[in-house]
Amino acid sequence: LSTTQTVDQPVDIVLYDAFAQPETDTA
């Protein structure tokens, strides 16, 4: 689980929950 917009270990899928942020925030 990340509240810092990073992923620190290998995972099959990142599920980017777009609550209160742009769905397509490019960065």
mmCIF file of all heavy atoms, coordinates in Angstrom:
data_MODEL
# 
_entry.id   MODEL 
# 
loop_
_atom_site.group_PDB 
_atom_site.id 
_atom_site.type_symbol 
_atom_site.label_atom_id 
_atom_site.label_alt_id 
_atom_site.label_comp_id 
_atom_site.label_asym_id 
_atom_site.label_entity_id 
_atom_site.label_seq_id 
_atom_site.pdbx_PDB_ins_code 
_atom_site.Cartn_x 
_atom_site.Cartn_y 
_atom_site.Cartn_z 
_atom_site.occupancy 
_atom_site.B_iso_or_equiv 
_atom_site.pdbx_formal_charge 
_atom_site.auth_seq_id 
_atom_site.auth_comp_id 
_atom_site.auth_asym_id 
_atom_site.auth_atom_id 
_atom_site.pdbx_PDB_model_num 
ATOM 1   N N   . LEU A 1 1  ? 0.863   -1.173  0.000   1.00 0.00 ? 1  LEU A N   1 
ATOM 2   C CA  . LEU A 1 1  ? 0.000   0.000   0.000   1.00 0.00 ? 1  LEU A CA  1 
ATOM 3   C C   . LEU A 1 1  ? 0.897   1.219   0.000   1.00 0.00 ? 1  LEU A C   1 
ATOM 4   O O   . LEU A 1 1  ? 1.867   1.284   0.746   1.00 0.00 ? 1  LEU A O   1 
ATOM 5   C CB  . LEU A 1 1  ? -0.889  0.043   1.244   1.00 0.00 ? 1  LEU A CB  1 
ATOM 6   C CG  . LEU A 1 1  ? -1.901  -1.084  1.430   1.00 0.00 ? 1  LEU A CG  1 
ATOM 7   C CD1 . LEU A 1 1  ? -2.727  -0.818  2.690   1.00 0.00 ? 1  LEU A CD1 1 
ATOM 8   C CD2 . LEU A 1 1  ? -2.817  -1.181  0.228   1.00 0.00 ? 1  LEU A CD2 1 
ATOM 9   N N   . SER A 1 2  ? 0.585   2.202   -0.834  1.00 0.00 ? 2  SER A N   1 
ATOM 10  C CA  . SER A 1 2  ? 1.439   3.385   -0.917  1.00 0.00 ? 2  SER A CA  1 
ATOM 11  C C   . SER A 1 2  ? 0.606   4.653   -0.896  1.00 0.00 ? 2  SER A C   1 
ATOM 12  O O   . SER A 1 2  ? -0.330  4.809   -1.674  1.00 0.00 ? 2  SER A O   1 
ATOM 13  C CB  . SER A 1 2  ? 2.275   3.352   -2.200  1.00 0.00 ? 2  SER A CB  1 
ATOM 14  O OG  . SER A 1 2  ? 3.013   4.562   -2.320  1.00 0.00 ? 2  SER A OG  1 
ATOM 15  N N   . THR A 1 3  ? 0.958   5.564   0.021   1.00 0.00 ? 3  THR A N   1 
ATOM 16  C CA  . THR A 1 3  ? 0.390   6.914   -0.007  1.00 0.00 ? 3  THR A CA  1 
ATOM 17  C C   . THR A 1 3  ? 1.469   7.913   -0.419  1.00 0.00 ? 3  THR A C   1 
ATOM 18  O O   . THR A 1 3  ? 1.338   9.111   -0.195  1.00 0.00 ? 3  THR A O   1 
ATOM 19  C CB  . THR A 1 3  ? -0.170  7.307   1.380   1.00 0.00 ? 3  THR A CB  1 
ATOM 20  O OG1 . THR A 1 3  ? 0.854   7.151   2.368   1.00 0.00 ? 3  THR A OG1 1 
ATOM 21  C CG2 . THR A 1 3  ? -1.361  6.447   1.737   1.00 0.00 ? 3  THR A CG2 1 
ATOM 22  N N   . THR A 1 4  ? 2.536   7.415   -1.014  1.00 0.00 ? 4  THR A N   1 
ATOM 23  C CA  . THR A 1 4  ? 3.623   8.293   -1.442  1.00 0.00 ? 4  THR A CA  1 
ATOM 24  C C   . THR A 1 4  ? 3.847   8.230   -2.949  1.00 0.00 ? 4  THR A C   1 
ATOM 25  O O   . THR A 1 4  ? 4.849   8.725   -3.456  1.00 0.00 ? 4  THR A O   1 
ATOM 26  C CB  . THR A 1 4  ? 4.929   7.925   -0.723  1.00 0.00 ? 4  THR A CB  1 
ATOM 27  O OG1 . THR A 1 4  ? 5.255   6.565   -1.005  1.00 0.00 ? 4  THR A OG1 1 
ATOM 28  C CG2 . THR A 1 4  ? 4.795   8.109   0.775   1.00 0.00 ? 4  THR A CG2 1 
ATOM 29  N N   . GLN A 1 5  ? 2.933   7.589   -3.693  1.00 0.00 ? 5  GLN A N   1 
ATOM 30  C CA  . GLN A 1 5  ? 3.012   7.503   -5.146  1.00 0.00 ? 5  GLN A CA  1 
ATOM 31  C C   . GLN A 1 5  ? 4.275   6.779   -5.620  1.00 0.00 ? 5  GLN A C   1 
ATOM 32  O O   . GLN A 1 5  ? 4.816   7.098   -6.677  1.00 0.00 ? 5  GLN A O   1 
ATOM 33  C CB  . GLN A 1 5  ? 2.942   8.901   -5.781  1.00 0.00 ? 5  GLN A CB  1 
ATOM 34  C CG  . GLN A 1 5  ? 1.689   9.678   -5.408  1.00 0.00 ? 5  GLN A CG  1 
ATOM 35  C CD  . GLN A 1 5  ? 0.420   9.045   -5.928  1.00 0.00 ? 5  GLN A CD  1 
ATOM 36  O OE1 . GLN A 1 5  ? 0.384   8.491   -7.008  1.00 0.00 ? 5  GLN A OE1 1 
ATOM 37  N NE2 . GLN A 1 5  ? -0.647  9.107   -5.157  1.00 0.00 ? 5  GLN A NE2 1 
ATOM 38  N N   . THR A 1 6  ? 4.746   5.819   -4.822  1.00 0.00 ? 6  THR A N   1 
ATOM 39  C CA  . THR A 1 6  ? 5.889   5.010   -5.232  1.00 0.00 ? 6  THR A CA  1 
ATOM 40  C C   . THR A 1 6  ? 5.566   3.538   -5.030  1.00 0.00 ? 6  THR A C   1 
ATOM 41  O O   . THR A 1 6  ? 4.670   3.191   -4.264  1.00 0.00 ? 6  THR A O   1 
ATOM 42  C CB  . THR A 1 6  ? 7.149   5.356   -4.415  1.00 0.00 ? 6  THR A CB  1 
ATOM 43  O OG1 . THR A 1 6  ? 6.892   5.098   -3.022  1.00 0.00 ? 6  THR A OG1 1 
ATOM 44  C CG2 . THR A 1 6  ? 7.553   6.802   -4.605  1.00 0.00 ? 6  THR A CG2 1 
ATOM 45  N N   . VAL A 1 7  ? 6.300   2.690   -5.725  1.00 0.00 ? 7  VAL A N   1 
ATOM 46  C CA  . VAL A 1 7  ? 6.198   1.246   -5.539  1.00 0.00 ? 7  VAL A CA  1 
ATOM 47  C C   . VAL A 1 7  ? 7.605   0.732   -5.306  1.00 0.00 ? 7  VAL A C   1 
ATOM 48  O O   . VAL A 1 7  ? 8.510   0.979   -6.104  1.00 0.00 ? 7  VAL A O   1 
ATOM 49  C CB  . VAL A 1 7  ? 5.565   0.568   -6.769  1.00 0.00 ? 7  VAL A CB  1 
ATOM 50  C CG1 . VAL A 1 7  ? 5.613   -0.950  -6.635  1.00 0.00 ? 7  VAL A CG1 1 
ATOM 51  C CG2 . VAL A 1 7  ? 4.121   1.034   -6.934  1.00 0.00 ? 7  VAL A CG2 1 
ATOM 52  N N   . ASP A 1 8  ? 7.800   0.025   -4.194  1.00 0.00 ? 8  ASP A N   1 
ATOM 53  C CA  . ASP A 1 8  ? 9.149   -0.330  -3.757  1.00 0.00 ? 8  ASP A CA  1 
ATOM 54  C C   . ASP A 1 8  ? 9.481   -1.812  -3.880  1.00 0.00 ? 8  ASP A C   1 
ATOM 55  O O   . ASP A 1 8  ? 10.580  -2.222  -3.526  1.00 0.00 ? 8  ASP A O   1 
ATOM 56  C CB  . ASP A 1 8  ? 9.348   0.104   -2.297  1.00 0.00 ? 8  ASP A CB  1 
ATOM 57  C CG  . ASP A 1 8  ? 9.178   1.605   -2.105  1.00 0.00 ? 8  ASP A CG  1 
ATOM 58  O OD1 . ASP A 1 8  ? 9.646   2.359   -2.982  1.00 0.00 ? 8  ASP A OD1 1 
ATOM 59  O OD2 . ASP A 1 8  ? 8.572   2.016   -1.105  1.00 0.00 ? 8  ASP A OD2 1 
ATOM 60  N N   . GLN A 1 9  ? 8.542   -2.614  -4.359  1.00 0.00 ? 9  GLN A N   1 
ATOM 61  C CA  . GLN A 1 9  ? 8.801   -4.035  -4.523  1.00 0.00 ? 9  GLN A CA  1 
ATOM 62  C C   . GLN A 1 9  ? 8.104   -4.532  -5.780  1.00 0.00 ? 9  GLN A C   1 
ATOM 63  O O   . GLN A 1 9  ? 7.148   -3.909  -6.252  1.00 0.00 ? 9  GLN A O   1 
ATOM 64  C CB  . GLN A 1 9  ? 8.335   -4.827  -3.304  1.00 0.00 ? 9  GLN A CB  1 
ATOM 65  C CG  . GLN A 1 9  ? 6.840   -4.695  -3.005  1.00 0.00 ? 9  GLN A CG  1 
ATOM 66  C CD  . GLN A 1 9  ? 6.425   -5.507  -1.798  1.00 0.00 ? 9  GLN A CD  1 
ATOM 67  O OE1 . GLN A 1 9  ? 6.512   -6.728  -1.806  1.00 0.00 ? 9  GLN A OE1 1 
ATOM 68  N NE2 . GLN A 1 9  ? 5.979   -4.818  -0.753  1.00 0.00 ? 9  GLN A NE2 1 
ATOM 69  N N   . PRO A 1 10 ? 8.568   -5.645  -6.354  1.00 0.00 ? 10 PRO A N   1 
ATOM 70  C CA  . PRO A 1 10 ? 7.938   -6.125  -7.590  1.00 0.00 ? 10 PRO A CA  1 
ATOM 71  C C   . PRO A 1 10 ? 6.478   -6.523  -7.361  1.00 0.00 ? 10 PRO A C   1 
ATOM 72  O O   . PRO A 1 10 ? 6.155   -7.233  -6.402  1.00 0.00 ? 10 PRO A O   1 
ATOM 73  C CB  . PRO A 1 10 ? 8.783   -7.350  -7.953  1.00 0.00 ? 10 PRO A CB  1 
ATOM 74  C CG  . PRO A 1 10 ? 10.065  -7.185  -7.220  1.00 0.00 ? 10 PRO A CG  1 
ATOM 75  C CD  . PRO A 1 10 ? 9.722   -6.466  -5.949  1.00 0.00 ? 10 PRO A CD  1 
ATOM 76  N N   . VAL A 1 11 ? 5.597   -6.042  -8.233  1.00 0.00 ? 11 VAL A N   1 
ATOM 77  C CA  . VAL A 1 11 ? 4.181   -6.411  -8.188  1.00 0.00 ? 11 VAL A CA  1 
ATOM 78  C C   . VAL A 1 11 ? 3.693   -6.639  -9.615  1.00 0.00 ? 11 VAL A C   1 
ATOM 79  O O   . VAL A 1 11 ? 4.247   -6.105  -10.567 1.00 0.00 ? 11 VAL A O   1 
ATOM 80  C CB  . VAL A 1 11 ? 3.309   -5.321  -7.514  1.00 0.00 ? 11 VAL A CB  1 
ATOM 81  C CG1 . VAL A 1 11 ? 3.631   -5.194  -6.037  1.00 0.00 ? 11 VAL A CG1 1 
ATOM 82  C CG2 . VAL A 1 11 ? 3.462   -3.977  -8.207  1.00 0.00 ? 11 VAL A CG2 1 
ATOM 83  N N   . ASP A 1 12 ? 2.653   -7.443  -9.727  1.00 0.00 ? 12 ASP A N   1 
ATOM 84  C CA  . ASP A 1 12 ? 2.086   -7.699  -11.051 1.00 0.00 ? 12 ASP A CA  1 
ATOM 85  C C   . ASP A 1 12 ? 1.293   -6.502  -11.563 1.00 0.00 ? 12 ASP A C   1 
ATOM 86  O O   . ASP A 1 12 ? 1.334   -6.185  -12.756 1.00 0.00 ? 12 ASP A O   1 
ATOM 87  C CB  . ASP A 1 12 ? 1.174   -8.935  -10.999 1.00 0.00 ? 12 ASP A CB  1 
ATOM 88  C CG  . ASP A 1 12 ? 1.937   -10.205 -10.675 1.00 0.00 ? 12 ASP A CG  1 
ATOM 89  O OD1 . ASP A 1 12 ? 3.018   -10.415 -11.256 1.00 0.00 ? 12 ASP A OD1 1 
ATOM 90  O OD2 . ASP A 1 12 ? 1.460   -10.991 -9.828  1.00 0.00 ? 12 ASP A OD2 1 
ATOM 91  N N   . ILE A 1 13 ? 0.560   -5.839  -10.663 1.00 0.00 ? 13 ILE A N   1 
ATOM 92  C CA  . ILE A 1 13 ? -0.304  -4.727  -11.065 1.00 0.00 ? 13 ILE A CA  1 
ATOM 93  C C   . ILE A 1 13 ? -0.238  -3.612  -10.029 1.00 0.00 ? 13 ILE A C   1 
ATOM 94  O O   . ILE A 1 13 ? -0.315  -3.868  -8.820  1.00 0.00 ? 13 ILE A O   1 
ATOM 95  C CB  . ILE A 1 13 ? -1.769  -5.186  -11.218 1.00 0.00 ? 13 ILE A CB  1 
ATOM 96  C CG1 . ILE A 1 13 ? -1.908  -6.183  -12.371 1.00 0.00 ? 13 ILE A CG1 1 
ATOM 97  C CG2 . ILE A 1 13 ? -2.703  -3.993  -11.444 1.00 0.00 ? 13 ILE A CG2 1 
ATOM 98  C CD1 . ILE A 1 13 ? -3.302  -6.784  -12.499 1.00 0.00 ? 13 ILE A CD1 1 
ATOM 99  N N   . VAL A 1 14 ? -0.106  -2.377  -10.510 1.00 0.00 ? 14 VAL A N   1 
ATOM 100 C CA  . VAL A 1 14 ? -0.323  -1.194  -9.675  1.00 0.00 ? 14 VAL A CA  1 
ATOM 101 C C   . VAL A 1 14 ? -1.754  -0.734  -9.904  1.00 0.00 ? 14 VAL A C   1 
ATOM 102 O O   . VAL A 1 14 ? -2.143  -0.438  -11.039 1.00 0.00 ? 14 VAL A O   1 
ATOM 103 C CB  . VAL A 1 14 ? 0.658   -0.065  -10.034 1.00 0.00 ? 14 VAL A CB  1 
ATOM 104 C CG1 . VAL A 1 14 ? 0.261   1.227   -9.315  1.00 0.00 ? 14 VAL A CG1 1 
ATOM 105 C CG2 . VAL A 1 14 ? 2.078   -0.445  -9.673  1.00 0.00 ? 14 VAL A CG2 1 
ATOM 106 N N   . LEU A 1 15 ? -2.544  -0.696  -8.831  1.00 0.00 ? 15 LEU A N   1 
ATOM 107 C CA  . LEU A 1 15 ? -3.916  -0.211  -8.897  1.00 0.00 ? 15 LEU A CA  1 
ATOM 108 C C   . LEU A 1 15 ? -3.907  1.229   -8.382  1.00 0.00 ? 15 LEU A C   1 
ATOM 109 O O   . LEU A 1 15 ? -3.809  1.475   -7.180  1.00 0.00 ? 15 LEU A O   1 
ATOM 110 C CB  . LEU A 1 15 ? -4.836  -1.095  -8.055  1.00 0.00 ? 15 LEU A CB  1 
ATOM 111 C CG  . LEU A 1 15 ? -6.336  -0.833  -8.175  1.00 0.00 ? 15 LEU A CG  1 
ATOM 112 C CD1 . LEU A 1 15 ? -6.824  -1.023  -9.610  1.00 0.00 ? 15 LEU A CD1 1 
ATOM 113 C CD2 . LEU A 1 15 ? -7.124  -1.741  -7.236  1.00 0.00 ? 15 LEU A CD2 1 
ATOM 114 N N   . TYR A 1 16 ? -3.975  2.171   -9.329  1.00 0.00 ? 16 TYR A N   1 
ATOM 115 C CA  . TYR A 1 16 ? -3.859  3.603   -9.025  1.00 0.00 ? 16 TYR A CA  1 
ATOM 116 C C   . TYR A 1 16 ? -5.249  4.156   -8.738  1.00 0.00 ? 16 TYR A C   1 
ATOM 117 O O   . TYR A 1 16 ? -6.044  4.386   -9.648  1.00 0.00 ? 16 TYR A O   1 
ATOM 118 C CB  . TYR A 1 16 ? -3.208  4.300   -10.212 1.00 0.00 ? 16 TYR A CB  1 
ATOM 119 C CG  . TYR A 1 16 ? -3.113  5.806   -10.144 1.00 0.00 ? 16 TYR A CG  1 
ATOM 120 C CD1 . TYR A 1 16 ? -2.101  6.426   -9.427  1.00 0.00 ? 16 TYR A CD1 1 
ATOM 121 C CD2 . TYR A 1 16 ? -4.010  6.610   -10.844 1.00 0.00 ? 16 TYR A CD2 1 
ATOM 122 C CE1 . TYR A 1 16 ? -1.986  7.814   -9.395  1.00 0.00 ? 16 TYR A CE1 1 
ATOM 123 C CE2 . TYR A 1 16 ? -3.907  7.994   -10.818 1.00 0.00 ? 16 TYR A CE2 1 
ATOM 124 C CZ  . TYR A 1 16 ? -2.896  8.590   -10.089 1.00 0.00 ? 16 TYR A CZ  1 
ATOM 125 O OH  . TYR A 1 16 ? -2.794  9.962   -10.059 1.00 0.00 ? 16 TYR A OH  1 
ATOM 126 N N   . ASP A 1 17 ? -5.559  4.325   -7.464  1.00 0.00 ? 17 ASP A N   1 
ATOM 127 C CA  . ASP A 1 17 ? -6.853  4.867   -7.073  1.00 0.00 ? 17 ASP A CA  1 
ATOM 128 C C   . ASP A 1 17 ? -6.834  6.370   -7.271  1.00 0.00 ? 17 ASP A C   1 
ATOM 129 O O   . ASP A 1 17 ? -5.970  7.067   -6.730  1.00 0.00 ? 17 ASP A O   1 
ATOM 130 C CB  . ASP A 1 17 ? -7.136  4.514   -5.611  1.00 0.00 ? 17 ASP A CB  1 
ATOM 131 C CG  . ASP A 1 17 ? -8.553  4.823   -5.211  1.00 0.00 ? 17 ASP A CG  1 
ATOM 132 O OD1 . ASP A 1 17 ? -8.952  6.000   -5.306  1.00 0.00 ? 17 ASP A OD1 1 
ATOM 133 O OD2 . ASP A 1 17 ? -9.274  3.897   -4.801  1.00 0.00 ? 17 ASP A OD2 1 
ATOM 134 N N   . ALA A 1 18 ? -7.770  6.879   -8.060  1.00 0.00 ? 18 ALA A N   1 
ATOM 135 C CA  . ALA A 1 18 ? -7.728  8.278   -8.479  1.00 0.00 ? 18 ALA A CA  1 
ATOM 136 C C   . ALA A 1 18 ? -8.520  9.204   -7.573  1.00 0.00 ? 18 ALA A C   1 
ATOM 137 O O   . ALA A 1 18 ? -8.897  10.299  -7.980  1.00 0.00 ? 18 ALA A O   1 
ATOM 138 C CB  . ALA A 1 18 ? -8.240  8.400   -9.918  1.00 0.00 ? 18 ALA A CB  1 
ATOM 139 N N   . PHE A 1 19 ? -8.756  8.816   -6.311  1.00 0.00 ? 19 PHE A N   1 
ATOM 140 C CA  . PHE A 1 19 ? -9.489  9.683   -5.396  1.00 0.00 ? 19 PHE A CA  1 
ATOM 141 C C   . PHE A 1 19 ? -8.760  11.011  -5.213  1.00 0.00 ? 19 PHE A C   1 
ATOM 142 O O   . PHE A 1 19 ? -7.586  11.049  -4.843  1.00 0.00 ? 19 PHE A O   1 
ATOM 143 C CB  . PHE A 1 19 ? -9.655  8.997   -4.033  1.00 0.00 ? 19 PHE A CB  1 
ATOM 144 C CG  . PHE A 1 19 ? -10.319 9.864   -3.002  1.00 0.00 ? 19 PHE A CG  1 
ATOM 145 C CD1 . PHE A 1 19 ? -11.700 9.939   -2.935  1.00 0.00 ? 19 PHE A CD1 1 
ATOM 146 C CD2 . PHE A 1 19 ? -9.575  10.621  -2.118  1.00 0.00 ? 19 PHE A CD2 1 
ATOM 147 C CE1 . PHE A 1 19 ? -12.321 10.750  -1.997  1.00 0.00 ? 19 PHE A CE1 1 
ATOM 148 C CE2 . PHE A 1 19 ? -10.170 11.436  -1.177  1.00 0.00 ? 19 PHE A CE2 1 
ATOM 149 C CZ  . PHE A 1 19 ? -11.548 11.502  -1.112  1.00 0.00 ? 19 PHE A CZ  1 
ATOM 150 N N   . ALA A 1 20 ? -9.465  12.105  -5.488  1.00 0.00 ? 20 ALA A N   1 
ATOM 151 C CA  . ALA A 1 20 ? -8.974  13.467  -5.255  1.00 0.00 ? 20 ALA A CA  1 
ATOM 152 C C   . ALA A 1 20 ? -7.668  13.774  -5.972  1.00 0.00 ? 20 ALA A C   1 
ATOM 153 O O   . ALA A 1 20 ? -6.835  14.528  -5.480  1.00 0.00 ? 20 ALA A O   1 
ATOM 154 C CB  . ALA A 1 20 ? -8.826  13.750  -3.758  1.00 0.00 ? 20 ALA A CB  1 
ATOM 155 N N   . GLN A 1 21 ? -7.485  13.178  -7.141  1.00 0.00 ? 21 GLN A N   1 
ATOM 156 C CA  . GLN A 1 21 ? -6.341  13.504  -7.986  1.00 0.00 ? 21 GLN A CA  1 
ATOM 157 C C   . GLN A 1 21 ? -6.737  13.222  -9.434  1.00 0.00 ? 21 GLN A C   1 
ATOM 158 O O   . GLN A 1 21 ? -7.638  12.418  -9.682  1.00 0.00 ? 21 GLN A O   1 
ATOM 159 C CB  . GLN A 1 21 ? -5.122  12.675  -7.592  1.00 0.00 ? 21 GLN A CB  1 
ATOM 160 C CG  . GLN A 1 21 ? -5.357  11.184  -7.529  1.00 0.00 ? 21 GLN A CG  1 
ATOM 161 C CD  . GLN A 1 21 ? -4.265  10.480  -6.756  1.00 0.00 ? 21 GLN A CD  1 
ATOM 162 O OE1 . GLN A 1 21 ? -3.092  10.688  -7.019  1.00 0.00 ? 21 GLN A OE1 1 
ATOM 163 N NE2 . GLN A 1 21 ? -4.647  9.645   -5.798  1.00 0.00 ? 21 GLN A NE2 1 
ATOM 164 N N   . PRO A 1 22 ? -6.103  13.883  -10.382 1.00 0.00 ? 22 PRO A N   1 
ATOM 165 C CA  . PRO A 1 22 ? -6.472  13.654  -11.781 1.00 0.00 ? 22 PRO A CA  1 
ATOM 166 C C   . PRO A 1 22 ? -6.242  12.204  -12.192 1.00 0.00 ? 22 PRO A C   1 
ATOM 167 O O   . PRO A 1 22 ? -5.190  11.625  -11.918 1.00 0.00 ? 22 PRO A O   1 
ATOM 168 C CB  . PRO A 1 22 ? -5.534  14.604  -12.547 1.00 0.00 ? 22 PRO A CB  1 
ATOM 169 C CG  . PRO A 1 22 ? -5.153  15.642  -11.555 1.00 0.00 ? 22 PRO A CG  1 
ATOM 170 C CD  . PRO A 1 22 ? -5.095  14.937  -10.231 1.00 0.00 ? 22 PRO A CD  1 
ATOM 171 N N   . GLU A 1 23 ? -7.241  11.606  -12.864 1.00 0.00 ? 23 GLU A N   1 
ATOM 172 C CA  . GLU A 1 23 ? -7.121  10.217  -13.298 1.00 0.00 ? 23 GLU A CA  1 
ATOM 173 C C   . GLU A 1 23 ? -5.930  10.006  -14.221 1.00 0.00 ? 23 GLU A C   1 
ATOM 174 O O   . GLU A 1 23 ? -5.323  8.944   -14.228 1.00 0.00 ? 23 GLU A O   1 
ATOM 175 C CB  . GLU A 1 23 ? -8.402  9.768   -14.024 1.00 0.00 ? 23 GLU A CB  1 
ATOM 176 C CG  . GLU A 1 23 ? -9.541  9.354   -13.103 1.00 0.00 ? 23 GLU A CG  1 
ATOM 177 C CD  . GLU A 1 23 ? -10.308 10.549  -12.529 1.00 0.00 ? 23 GLU A CD  1 
ATOM 178 O OE1 . GLU A 1 23 ? -9.870  11.695  -12.750 1.00 0.00 ? 23 GLU A OE1 1 
ATOM 179 O OE2 . GLU A 1 23 ? -11.327 10.324  -11.855 1.00 0.00 ? 23 GLU A OE2 1 
ATOM 180 N N   . THR A 1 24 ? -5.623  11.015  -15.009 1.00 0.00 ? 24 THR A N   1 
ATOM 181 C CA  . THR A 1 24 ? -4.544  10.859  -15.984 1.00 0.00 ? 24 THR A CA  1 
ATOM 182 C C   . THR A 1 24 ? -3.402  11.835  -15.691 1.00 0.00 ? 24 THR A C   1 
ATOM 183 O O   . THR A 1 24 ? -2.866  12.457  -16.589 1.00 0.00 ? 24 THR A O   1 
ATOM 184 C CB  . THR A 1 24 ? -5.079  11.060  -17.413 1.00 0.00 ? 24 THR A CB  1 
ATOM 185 O OG1 . THR A 1 24 ? -5.735  12.327  -17.493 1.00 0.00 ? 24 THR A OG1 1 
ATOM 186 C CG2 . THR A 1 24 ? -6.038  9.955   -17.779 1.00 0.00 ? 24 THR A CG2 1 
ATOM 187 N N   . ASP A 1 25 ? -3.073  11.979  -14.417 1.00 0.00 ? 25 ASP A N   1 
ATOM 188 C CA  . ASP A 1 25 ? -1.915  12.781  -14.049 1.00 0.00 ? 25 ASP A CA  1 
ATOM 189 C C   . ASP A 1 25 ? -0.678  12.140  -14.676 1.00 0.00 ? 25 ASP A C   1 
ATOM 190 O O   . ASP A 1 25 ? -0.233  11.072  -14.266 1.00 0.00 ? 25 ASP A O   1 
ATOM 191 C CB  . ASP A 1 25 ? -1.783  12.823  -12.523 1.00 0.00 ? 25 ASP A CB  1 
ATOM 192 C CG  . ASP A 1 25 ? -0.682  13.767  -12.066 1.00 0.00 ? 25 ASP A CG  1 
ATOM 193 O OD1 . ASP A 1 25 ? 0.461   13.545  -12.475 1.00 0.00 ? 25 ASP A OD1 1 
ATOM 194 O OD2 . ASP A 1 25 ? -0.975  14.698  -11.299 1.00 0.00 ? 25 ASP A OD2 1 
ATOM 195 N N   . THR A 1 26 ? -0.141  12.780  -15.684 1.00 0.00 ? 26 THR A N   1 
ATOM 196 C CA  . THR A 1 26 ? 0.929   12.182  -16.489 1.00 0.00 ? 26 THR A CA  1 
ATOM 197 C C   . THR A 1 26 ? 2.141   11.816  -15.651 1.00 0.00 ? 26 THR A C   1 
ATOM 198 O O   . THR A 1 26 ? 2.696   10.718  -15.780 1.00 0.00 ? 26 THR A O   1 
ATOM 199 C CB  . THR A 1 26 ? 1.351   13.147  -17.610 1.00 0.00 ? 26 THR A CB  1 
ATOM 200 O OG1 . THR A 1 26 ? 0.205   13.459  -18.404 1.00 0.00 ? 26 THR A OG1 1 
ATOM 201 C CG2 . THR A 1 26 ? 2.415   12.515  -18.491 1.00 0.00 ? 26 THR A CG2 1 
ATOM 202 N N   . ALA A 1 27 ? 2.553   12.719  -14.761 1.00 0.00 ? 27 ALA A N   1 
ATOM 203 C CA  . ALA A 1 27 ? 3.745   12.461  -13.955 1.00 0.00 ? 27 ALA A CA  1 
ATOM 204 C C   . ALA A 1 27 ? 3.547   11.258  -13.054 1.00 0.00 ? 27 ALA A C   1 
ATOM 205 O O   . ALA A 1 27 ? 4.407   10.369  -12.964 1.00 0.00 ? 27 ALA A O   1 
ATOM 206 C CB  . ALA A 1 27 ? 4.103   13.698  -13.145 1.00 0.00 ? 27 ALA A CB  1 
# 
